């Protein structure tokens, strides 16, 4: 039996998150429950062990997506792709550090 790729979506805009989820499911991916904060992202990454995380940079709590990504990469070494509407130089430089 072939295992489906499991993806965790971390996005605080519910409509955007649901659209991404639906698209991924239609493409045959398994999607973990959507989370909206950095703290939830770290916890869900540990619980679900996804193959990939789609991470928004600006989230609902004090922990940014970049900070959550740093913790997840250090603890679990899960690949992360950032999804964001923010493309200013400072944000992009902060995101590059987590490569």
PDB file of N, CA and C in Angstrom:
ATOM      1  N   UNK A   1       0.838  -1.194   0.000  1.00  0.00           N
ATOM      2  CA  UNK A   1       0.000   0.000   0.000  1.00  0.00           C
ATOM      3  C   UNK A   1       0.879   1.253   0.000  1.00  0.00           C
ATOM      4  N   UNK A   2       0.599   2.176  -0.877  1.00  0.00           N
ATOM      5  CA  UNK A   2       1.362   3.420  -0.981  1.00  0.00           C
ATOM      6  C   UNK A   2       0.800   4.440   0.002  1.00  0.00           C
ATOM      7  N   UNK A   3       1.704   5.027   0.799  1.00  0.00           N
ATOM      8  CA  UNK A   3       1.294   6.048   1.763  1.00  0.00           C
ATOM      9  C   UNK A   3       1.152   7.392   1.047  1.00  0.00           C
ATOM     10  N   UNK A   4       0.083   8.103   1.361  1.00  0.00           N
ATOM     11  CA  UNK A   4      -0.110   9.441   0.802  1.00  0.00           C
ATOM     12  C   UNK A   4       0.755  10.437   1.562  1.00  0.00           C
ATOM     13  N   UNK A   5       1.206  11.448   0.856  1.00  0.00           N
ATOM     14  CA  UNK A   5       1.952  12.528   1.490  1.00  0.00           C
ATOM     15  C   UNK A   5       1.011  13.305   2.400  1.00  0.00           C
ATOM     16  N   UNK A   6       1.460  13.518   3.642  1.00  0.00           N
ATOM     17  CA  UNK A   6       0.646  14.223   4.639  1.00  0.00           C
ATOM     18  C   UNK A   6       1.153  15.654   4.779  1.00  0.00           C
ATOM     19  N   UNK A   7       0.231  16.619   4.654  1.00  0.00           N
ATOM     20  CA  UNK A   7       0.595  18.038   4.680  1.00  0.00           C
ATOM     21  C   UNK A   7      -0.145  18.760   5.804  1.00  0.00           C
ATOM     22  N   UNK A   8       0.588  19.574   6.549  1.00  0.00           N
ATOM     23  CA  UNK A   8       0.019  20.416   7.600  1.00  0.00           C
ATOM     24  C   UNK A   8      -0.071  21.846   7.073  1.00  0.00           C
ATOM     25  N   UNK A   9      -1.252  22.439   7.188  1.00  0.00           N
ATOM     26  CA  UNK A   9      -1.467  23.832   6.784  1.00  0.00           C
ATOM     27  C   UNK A   9      -1.521  24.699   8.038  1.00  0.00           C
ATOM     28  N   UNK A  10      -0.677  25.736   8.073  1.00  0.00           N
ATOM     29  CA  UNK A  10      -0.663  26.693   9.180  1.00  0.00           C
ATOM     30  C   UNK A  10      -1.028  28.046   8.576  1.00  0.00           C
ATOM     31  N   UNK A  11      -2.259  28.468   8.793  1.00  0.00           N
ATOM     32  CA  UNK A  11      -2.793  29.675   8.141  1.00  0.00           C
ATOM     33  C   UNK A  11      -3.897  30.255   9.006  1.00  0.00           C
ATOM     34  N   UNK A  12      -3.810  31.554   9.322  1.00  0.00           N
ATOM     35  CA  UNK A  12      -4.815  32.169  10.192  1.00  0.00           C
ATOM     36  C   UNK A  12      -6.043  32.682   9.441  1.00  0.00           C
ATOM     37  N   UNK A  13      -6.004  32.731   8.132  1.00  0.00           N
ATOM     38  CA  UNK A  13      -7.169  33.136   7.342  1.00  0.00           C
ATOM     39  C   UNK A  13      -7.940  31.875   6.959  1.00  0.00           C
ATOM     40  N   UNK A  14      -9.071  31.642   7.601  1.00  0.00           N
ATOM     41  CA  UNK A  14      -9.817  30.388   7.451  1.00  0.00           C
ATOM     42  C   UNK A  14     -10.209  30.099   6.000  1.00  0.00           C
ATOM     43  N   UNK A  15     -10.672  31.100   5.274  1.00  0.00           N
ATOM     44  CA  UNK A  15     -11.095  30.880   3.883  1.00  0.00           C
ATOM     45  C   UNK A  15      -9.906  30.435   3.028  1.00  0.00           C
ATOM     46  N   UNK A  16      -8.778  31.076   3.215  1.00  0.00           N
ATOM     47  CA  UNK A  16      -7.569  30.709   2.475  1.00  0.00           C
ATOM     48  C   UNK A  16      -7.157  29.282   2.827  1.00  0.00           C
ATOM     49  N   UNK A  17      -7.153  28.978   4.121  1.00  0.00           N
ATOM     50  CA  UNK A  17      -6.749  27.646   4.577  1.00  0.00           C
ATOM     51  C   UNK A  17      -7.653  26.557   4.012  1.00  0.00           C
ATOM     52  N   UNK A  18      -8.954  26.790   4.029  1.00  0.00           N
ATOM     53  CA  UNK A  18      -9.902  25.794   3.515  1.00  0.00           C
ATOM     54  C   UNK A  18      -9.737  25.601   2.010  1.00  0.00           C
ATOM     55  N   UNK A  19      -9.446  26.675   1.291  1.00  0.00           N
ATOM     56  CA  UNK A  19      -9.224  26.568  -0.150  1.00  0.00           C
ATOM     57  C   UNK A  19      -7.972  25.738  -0.447  1.00  0.00           C
ATOM     58  N   UNK A  20      -6.909  25.997   0.292  1.00  0.00           N
ATOM     59  CA  UNK A  20      -5.675  25.224   0.126  1.00  0.00           C
ATOM     60  C   UNK A  20      -5.940  23.758   0.461  1.00  0.00           C
ATOM     61  N   UNK A  21      -6.642  23.518   1.554  1.00  0.00           N
ATOM     62  CA  UNK A  21      -6.959  22.149   1.973  1.00  0.00           C
ATOM     63  C   UNK A  21      -7.730  21.410   0.879  1.00  0.00           C
ATOM     64  N   UNK A  22      -8.757  22.034   0.363  1.00  0.00           N
ATOM     65  CA  UNK A  22      -9.592  21.412  -0.672  1.00  0.00           C
ATOM     66  C   UNK A  22      -8.760  21.092  -1.913  1.00  0.00           C
ATOM     67  N   UNK A  23      -7.921  22.029  -2.317  1.00  0.00           N
ATOM     68  CA  UNK A  23      -7.074  21.816  -3.492  1.00  0.00           C
ATOM     69  C   UNK A  23      -6.127  20.640  -3.278  1.00  0.00           C
ATOM     70  N   UNK A  24      -5.492  20.591  -2.119  1.00  0.00           N
ATOM     71  CA  UNK A  24      -4.558  19.499  -1.827  1.00  0.00           C
ATOM     72  C   UNK A  24      -5.269  18.152  -1.783  1.00  0.00           C
ATOM     73  N   UNK A  25      -6.438  18.113  -1.157  1.00  0.00           N
ATOM     74  CA  UNK A  25      -7.198  16.866  -1.102  1.00  0.00           C
ATOM     75  C   UNK A  25      -7.610  16.419  -2.502  1.00  0.00           C
ATOM     76  N   UNK A  26      -8.013  17.355  -3.345  1.00  0.00           N
ATOM     77  CA  UNK A  26      -8.376  17.018  -4.723  1.00  0.00           C
ATOM     78  C   UNK A  26      -7.188  16.468  -5.510  1.00  0.00           C
ATOM     79  N   UNK A  27      -5.987  16.854  -5.114  1.00  0.00           N
ATOM     80  CA  UNK A  27      -4.767  16.356  -5.751  1.00  0.00           C
ATOM     81  C   UNK A  27      -4.297  15.037  -5.139  1.00  0.00           C
ATOM     82  N   UNK A  28      -5.023  14.552  -4.122  1.00  0.00           N
ATOM     83  CA  UNK A  28      -4.715  13.252  -3.541  1.00  0.00           C
ATOM     84  C   UNK A  28      -3.856  13.267  -2.290  1.00  0.00           C
ATOM     85  N   UNK A  29      -3.592  14.440  -1.730  1.00  0.00           N
ATOM     86  CA  UNK A  29      -2.790  14.524  -0.514  1.00  0.00           C
ATOM     87  C   UNK A  29      -3.662  14.342   0.723  1.00  0.00           C
ATOM     88  N   UNK A  30      -3.058  13.858   1.794  1.00  0.00           N
ATOM     89  CA  UNK A  30      -3.707  13.808   3.094  1.00  0.00           C
ATOM     90  C   UNK A  30      -3.405  15.129   3.793  1.00  0.00           C
ATOM     91  N   UNK A  31      -4.432  15.780   4.328  1.00  0.00           N
ATOM     92  CA  UNK A  31      -4.243  17.075   4.986  1.00  0.00           C
ATOM     93  C   UNK A  31      -4.571  16.938   6.469  1.00  0.00           C
ATOM     94  N   UNK A  32      -3.622  17.330   7.308  1.00  0.00           N
ATOM     95  CA  UNK A  32      -3.825  17.337   8.760  1.00  0.00           C
ATOM     96  C   UNK A  32      -4.842  18.427   9.103  1.00  0.00           C
ATOM     97  N   UNK A  33      -5.406  18.381  10.318  1.00  0.00           N
ATOM     98  CA  UNK A  33      -6.281  19.482  10.739  1.00  0.00           C
ATOM     99  C   UNK A  33      -5.536  20.824  10.657  1.00  0.00           C
ATOM    100  N   UNK A  34      -6.197  21.829  10.126  1.00  0.00           N
ATOM    101  CA  UNK A  34      -5.611  23.165   9.955  1.00  0.00           C
ATOM    102  C   UNK A  34      -5.362  23.799  11.323  1.00  0.00           C
ATOM    103  N   UNK A  35      -4.218  24.466  11.467  1.00  0.00           N
ATOM    104  CA  UNK A  35      -3.930  25.217  12.689  1.00  0.00           C
ATOM    105  C   UNK A  35      -3.690  26.682  12.326  1.00  0.00           C
ATOM    106  N   UNK A  36      -3.904  27.565  13.300  1.00  0.00           N
ATOM    107  CA  UNK A  36      -3.863  29.002  13.026  1.00  0.00           C
ATOM    108  C   UNK A  36      -2.801  29.766  13.812  1.00  0.00           C
ATOM    109  N   UNK A  37      -2.048  29.086  14.664  1.00  0.00           N
ATOM    110  CA  UNK A  37      -1.050  29.782  15.479  1.00  0.00           C
ATOM    111  C   UNK A  37       0.273  29.023  15.472  1.00  0.00           C
ATOM    112  N   UNK A  38       1.328  29.733  15.848  1.00  0.00           N
ATOM    113  CA  UNK A  38       2.648  29.126  15.918  1.00  0.00           C
ATOM    114  C   UNK A  38       2.723  28.008  16.938  1.00  0.00           C
ATOM    115  N   UNK A  39       2.150  28.244  18.121  1.00  0.00           N
ATOM    116  CA  UNK A  39       2.153  27.210  19.161  1.00  0.00           C
ATOM    117  C   UNK A  39       1.447  25.948  18.689  1.00  0.00           C
ATOM    118  N   UNK A  40       0.279  26.130  18.059  1.00  0.00           N
ATOM    119  CA  UNK A  40      -0.464  24.981  17.533  1.00  0.00           C
ATOM    120  C   UNK A  40       0.343  24.263  16.454  1.00  0.00           C
ATOM    121  N   UNK A  41       1.061  25.014  15.640  1.00  0.00           N
ATOM    122  CA  UNK A  41       1.855  24.423  14.563  1.00  0.00           C
ATOM    123  C   UNK A  41       2.922  23.491  15.120  1.00  0.00           C
ATOM    124  N   UNK A  42       3.621  23.935  16.155  1.00  0.00           N
ATOM    125  CA  UNK A  42       4.668  23.112  16.760  1.00  0.00           C
ATOM    126  C   UNK A  42       4.052  21.846  17.362  1.00  0.00           C
ATOM    127  N   UNK A  43       2.952  22.002  18.091  1.00  0.00           N
ATOM    128  CA  UNK A  43       2.289  20.843  18.706  1.00  0.00           C
ATOM    129  C   UNK A  43       1.776  19.871  17.653  1.00  0.00           C
ATOM    130  N   UNK A  44       1.133  20.393  16.618  1.00  0.00           N
ATOM    131  CA  UNK A  44       0.555  19.535  15.579  1.00  0.00           C
ATOM    132  C   UNK A  44       1.652  18.840  14.778  1.00  0.00           C
ATOM    133  N   UNK A  45       2.769  19.518  14.561  1.00  0.00           N
ATOM    134  CA  UNK A  45       3.897  18.893  13.859  1.00  0.00           C
ATOM    135  C   UNK A  45       4.393  17.682  14.643  1.00  0.00           C
ATOM    136  N   UNK A  46       4.447  17.817  15.956  1.00  0.00           N
ATOM    137  CA  UNK A  46       4.883  16.696  16.792  1.00  0.00           C
ATOM    138  C   UNK A  46       3.862  15.563  16.767  1.00  0.00           C
ATOM    139  N   UNK A  47       2.576  15.893  16.868  1.00  0.00           N
ATOM    140  CA  UNK A  47       1.514  14.882  16.910  1.00  0.00           C
ATOM    141  C   UNK A  47       1.331  14.164  15.578  1.00  0.00           C
ATOM    142  N   UNK A  48       1.335  14.900  14.484  1.00  0.00           N
ATOM    143  CA  UNK A  48       0.973  14.355  13.173  1.00  0.00           C
ATOM    144  C   UNK A  48       2.163  13.880  12.334  1.00  0.00           C
ATOM    145  N   UNK A  49       3.363  14.376  12.625  1.00  0.00           N
ATOM    146  CA  UNK A  49       4.555  14.074  11.820  1.00  0.00           C
ATOM    147  C   UNK A  49       4.284  14.214  10.318  1.00  0.00           C
ATOM    148  N   UNK A  50       3.883  15.408   9.882  1.00  0.00           N
ATOM    149  CA  UNK A  50       3.583  15.583   8.454  1.00  0.00           C
ATOM    150  C   UNK A  50       4.852  15.481   7.603  1.00  0.00           C
ATOM    151  N   UNK A  51       4.652  15.218   6.318  1.00  0.00           N
ATOM    152  CA  UNK A  51       5.773  15.157   5.383  1.00  0.00           C
ATOM    153  C   UNK A  51       6.193  16.554   4.932  1.00  0.00           C
ATOM    154  N   UNK A  52       5.260  17.509   5.027  1.00  0.00           N
ATOM    155  CA  UNK A  52       5.491  18.877   4.572  1.00  0.00           C
ATOM    156  C   UNK A  52       4.568  19.818   5.331  1.00  0.00           C
ATOM    157  N   UNK A  53       5.041  21.041   5.575  1.00  0.00           N
ATOM    158  CA  UNK A  53       4.213  22.063   6.219  1.00  0.00           C
ATOM    159  C   UNK A  53       4.135  23.278   5.304  1.00  0.00           C
ATOM    160  N   UNK A  54       2.917  23.769   5.100  1.00  0.00           N
ATOM    161  CA  UNK A  54       2.688  25.035   4.402  1.00  0.00           C
ATOM    162  C   UNK A  54       2.416  26.070   5.485  1.00  0.00           C
ATOM    163  N   UNK A  55       3.305  27.037   5.648  1.00  0.00           N
ATOM    164  CA  UNK A  55       3.305  27.939   6.801  1.00  0.00           C
ATOM    165  C   UNK A  55       3.103  29.393   6.400  1.00  0.00           C
ATOM    166  N   UNK A  56       2.062  30.010   6.954  1.00  0.00           N
ATOM    167  CA  UNK A  56       1.896  31.453   6.808  1.00  0.00           C
ATOM    168  C   UNK A  56       2.911  32.123   7.728  1.00  0.00           C
ATOM    169  N   UNK A  57       3.384  33.288   7.377  1.00  0.00           N
ATOM    170  CA  UNK A  57       4.369  33.983   8.204  1.00  0.00           C
ATOM    171  C   UNK A  57       3.698  34.754   9.336  1.00  0.00           C
ATOM    172  N   UNK A  58       2.570  35.396   9.070  1.00  0.00           N
ATOM    173  CA  UNK A  58       1.855  36.168  10.085  1.00  0.00           C
ATOM    174  C   UNK A  58       0.711  35.310  10.616  1.00  0.00           C
ATOM    175  N   UNK A  59       0.768  35.013  11.933  1.00  0.00           N
ATOM    176  CA  UNK A  59      -0.226  34.130  12.549  1.00  0.00           C
ATOM    177  C   UNK A  59      -0.972  34.842  13.667  1.00  0.00           C
ATOM    178  N   UNK A  60      -1.876  34.109  14.343  1.00  0.00           N
ATOM    179  CA  UNK A  60      -2.764  34.721  15.333  1.00  0.00           C
ATOM    180  C   UNK A  60      -2.131  34.995  16.691  1.00  0.00           C
ATOM    181  N   UNK A  61      -1.079  34.306  17.047  1.00  0.00           N
ATOM    182  CA  UNK A  61      -0.519  34.509  18.383  1.00  0.00           C
ATOM    183  C   UNK A  61       0.794  35.280  18.307  1.00  0.00           C
ATOM    184  N   UNK A  62       1.498  35.318  19.412  1.00  0.00           N
ATOM    185  CA  UNK A  62       2.746  36.077  19.466  1.00  0.00           C
ATOM    186  C   UNK A  62       3.857  35.425  18.656  1.00  0.00           C
ATOM    187  N   UNK A  63       3.783  34.100  18.474  1.00  0.00           N
ATOM    188  CA  UNK A  63       4.810  33.397  17.719  1.00  0.00           C
ATOM    189  C   UNK A  63       4.508  33.510  16.221  1.00  0.00           C
ATOM    190  N   UNK A  64       5.450  34.046  15.477  1.00  0.00           N
ATOM    191  CA  UNK A  64       5.259  34.163  14.024  1.00  0.00           C
ATOM    192  C   UNK A  64       5.459  32.807  13.360  1.00  0.00           C
ATOM    193  N   UNK A  65       5.084  32.731  12.104  1.00  0.00           N
ATOM    194  CA  UNK A  65       5.318  31.511  11.347  1.00  0.00           C
ATOM    195  C   UNK A  65       6.800  31.210  11.212  1.00  0.00           C
ATOM    196  N   UNK A  66       7.615  32.254  11.127  1.00  0.00           N
ATOM    197  CA  UNK A  66       9.062  32.068  11.030  1.00  0.00           C
ATOM    198  C   UNK A  66       9.605  31.457  12.314  1.00  0.00           C
ATOM    199  N   UNK A  67       9.157  31.963  13.455  1.00  0.00           N
ATOM    200  CA  UNK A  67       9.605  31.409  14.738  1.00  0.00           C
ATOM    201  C   UNK A  67       9.144  29.962  14.900  1.00  0.00           C
ATOM    202  N   UNK A  68       7.910  29.685  14.517  1.00  0.00           N
ATOM    203  CA  UNK A  68       7.400  28.310  14.589  1.00  0.00           C
ATOM    204  C   UNK A  68       8.209  27.404  13.666  1.00  0.00           C
ATOM    205  N   UNK A  69       8.517  27.894  12.477  1.00  0.00           N
ATOM    206  CA  UNK A  69       9.301  27.105  11.519  1.00  0.00           C
ATOM    207  C   UNK A  69      10.681  26.774  12.073  1.00  0.00           C
ATOM    208  N   UNK A  70      11.306  27.731  12.747  1.00  0.00           N
ATOM    209  CA  UNK A  70      12.624  27.485  13.344  1.00  0.00           C
ATOM    210  C   UNK A  70      12.551  26.349  14.353  1.00  0.00           C
ATOM    211  N   UNK A  71      11.534  26.380  15.218  1.00  0.00           N
ATOM    212  CA  UNK A  71      11.378  25.321  16.217  1.00  0.00           C
ATOM    213  C   UNK A  71      11.110  23.975  15.561  1.00  0.00           C
ATOM    214  N   UNK A  72      10.234  23.967  14.574  1.00  0.00           N
ATOM    215  CA  UNK A  72       9.872  22.716  13.898  1.00  0.00           C
ATOM    216  C   UNK A  72      11.073  22.134  13.166  1.00  0.00           C
ATOM    217  N   UNK A  73      11.806  22.962  12.446  1.00  0.00           N
ATOM    218  CA  UNK A  73      12.982  22.464  11.711  1.00  0.00           C
ATOM    219  C   UNK A  73      14.031  21.914  12.671  1.00  0.00           C
ATOM    220  N   UNK A  74      14.242  22.593  13.793  1.00  0.00           N
ATOM    221  CA  UNK A  74      15.230  22.149  14.767  1.00  0.00           C
ATOM    222  C   UNK A  74      14.814  20.840  15.431  1.00  0.00           C
ATOM    223  N   UNK A  75      13.557  20.746  15.832  1.00  0.00           N
ATOM    224  CA  UNK A  75      13.088  19.577  16.586  1.00  0.00           C
ATOM    225  C   UNK A  75      12.709  18.392  15.715  1.00  0.00           C
ATOM    226  N   UNK A  76      12.115  18.649  14.544  1.00  0.00           N
ATOM    227  CA  UNK A  76      11.530  17.555  13.764  1.00  0.00           C
ATOM    228  C   UNK A  76      12.077  17.436  12.343  1.00  0.00           C
ATOM    229  N   UNK A  77      12.818  18.422  11.875  1.00  0.00           N
ATOM    230  CA  UNK A  77      13.399  18.424  10.533  1.00  0.00           C
ATOM    231  C   UNK A  77      12.361  18.162   9.434  1.00  0.00           C
ATOM    232  N   UNK A  78      11.217  18.824   9.547  1.00  0.00           N
ATOM    233  CA  UNK A  78      10.150  18.713   8.551  1.00  0.00           C
ATOM    234  C   UNK A  78      10.310  19.863   7.556  1.00  0.00           C
ATOM    235  N   UNK A  79      10.272  19.587   6.259  1.00  0.00           N
ATOM    236  CA  UNK A  79      10.367  20.678   5.279  1.00  0.00           C
ATOM    237  C   UNK A  79       9.177  21.633   5.383  1.00  0.00           C
ATOM    238  N   UNK A  80       9.462  22.914   5.184  1.00  0.00           N
ATOM    239  CA  UNK A  80       8.433  23.955   5.314  1.00  0.00           C
ATOM    240  C   UNK A  80       8.483  24.866   4.093  1.00  0.00           C
ATOM    241  N   UNK A  81       7.302  25.154   3.568  1.00  0.00           N
ATOM    242  CA  UNK A  81       7.158  26.140   2.500  1.00  0.00           C
ATOM    243  C   UNK A  81       6.342  27.294   3.064  1.00  0.00           C
ATOM    244  N   UNK A  82       6.866  28.514   2.936  1.00  0.00           N
ATOM    245  CA  UNK A  82       6.136  29.685   3.416  1.00  0.00           C
ATOM    246  C   UNK A  82       5.103  30.134   2.392  1.00  0.00           C
ATOM    247  N   UNK A  83       3.924  30.470   2.894  1.00  0.00           N
ATOM    248  CA  UNK A  83       2.865  31.089   2.102  1.00  0.00           C
ATOM    249  C   UNK A  83       2.553  32.408   2.789  1.00  0.00           C
ATOM    250  N   UNK A  84       2.692  33.512   2.076  1.00  0.00           N
ATOM    251  CA  UNK A  84       2.450  34.793   2.729  1.00  0.00           C
ATOM    252  C   UNK A  84       2.109  35.888   1.729  1.00  0.00           C
ATOM    253  N   UNK A  85       1.387  36.858   2.212  1.00  0.00           N
ATOM    254  CA  UNK A  85       1.079  38.039   1.411  1.00  0.00           C
ATOM    255  C   UNK A  85       2.130  39.125   1.646  1.00  0.00           C
ATOM    256  N   UNK A  86       3.057  38.876   2.577  1.00  0.00           N
ATOM    257  CA  UNK A  86       4.067  39.867   2.933  1.00  0.00           C
ATOM    258  C   UNK A  86       5.363  39.569   2.189  1.00  0.00           C
ATOM    259  N   UNK A  87       5.798  40.492   1.355  1.00  0.00           N
ATOM    260  CA  UNK A  87       7.005  40.276   0.565  1.00  0.00           C
ATOM    261  C   UNK A  87       8.026  41.392   0.756  1.00  0.00           C
ATOM    262  N   UNK A  88       7.950  42.085   1.894  1.00  0.00           N
ATOM    263  CA  UNK A  88       8.929  43.144   2.133  1.00  0.00           C
ATOM    264  C   UNK A  88      10.295  42.515   2.415  1.00  0.00           C
ATOM    265  N   UNK A  89      11.344  43.268   2.196  1.00  0.00           N
ATOM    266  CA  UNK A  89      12.713  42.763   2.304  1.00  0.00           C
ATOM    267  C   UNK A  89      13.021  42.206   3.688  1.00  0.00           C
ATOM    268  N   UNK A  90      12.575  42.876   4.734  1.00  0.00           N
ATOM    269  CA  UNK A  90      12.862  42.427   6.100  1.00  0.00           C
ATOM    270  C   UNK A  90      12.238  41.054   6.363  1.00  0.00           C
ATOM    271  N   UNK A  91      10.991  40.869   5.970  1.00  0.00           N
ATOM    272  CA  UNK A  91      10.312  39.586   6.172  1.00  0.00           C
ATOM    273  C   UNK A  91      10.997  38.486   5.372  1.00  0.00           C
ATOM    274  N   UNK A  92      11.349  38.772   4.137  1.00  0.00           N
ATOM    275  CA  UNK A  92      12.013  37.767   3.305  1.00  0.00           C
ATOM    276  C   UNK A  92      13.369  37.371   3.875  1.00  0.00           C
ATOM    277  N   UNK A  93      14.112  38.325   4.399  1.00  0.00           N
ATOM    278  CA  UNK A  93      15.407  38.010   5.011  1.00  0.00           C
ATOM    279  C   UNK A  93      15.230  37.129   6.247  1.00  0.00           C
ATOM    280  N   UNK A  94      14.226  37.437   7.064  1.00  0.00           N
ATOM    281  CA  UNK A  94      13.955  36.611   8.251  1.00  0.00           C
ATOM    282  C   UNK A  94      13.594  35.192   7.840  1.00  0.00           C
ATOM    283  N   UNK A  95      12.808  35.050   6.795  1.00  0.00           N
ATOM    284  CA  UNK A  95      12.389  33.726   6.330  1.00  0.00           C
ATOM    285  C   UNK A  95      13.574  32.934   5.778  1.00  0.00           C
ATOM    286  N   UNK A  96      14.483  33.597   5.076  1.00  0.00           N
ATOM    287  CA  UNK A  96      15.641  32.915   4.487  1.00  0.00           C
ATOM    288  C   UNK A  96      16.528  32.268   5.542  1.00  0.00           C
ATOM    289  N   UNK A  97      16.570  32.849   6.722  1.00  0.00           N
ATOM    290  CA  UNK A  97      17.410  32.326   7.796  1.00  0.00           C
ATOM    291  C   UNK A  97      17.001  30.908   8.179  1.00  0.00           C
ATOM    292  N   UNK A  98      15.743  30.564   8.008  1.00  0.00           N
ATOM    293  CA  UNK A  98      15.248  29.249   8.436  1.00  0.00           C
ATOM    294  C   UNK A  98      15.494  28.147   7.417  1.00  0.00           C
ATOM    295  N   UNK A  99      16.172  28.436   6.321  1.00  0.00           N
ATOM    296  CA  UNK A  99      16.445  27.411   5.306  1.00  0.00           C
ATOM    297  C   UNK A  99      17.251  26.281   5.877  1.00  0.00           C
TER     298      UNK A  99
END
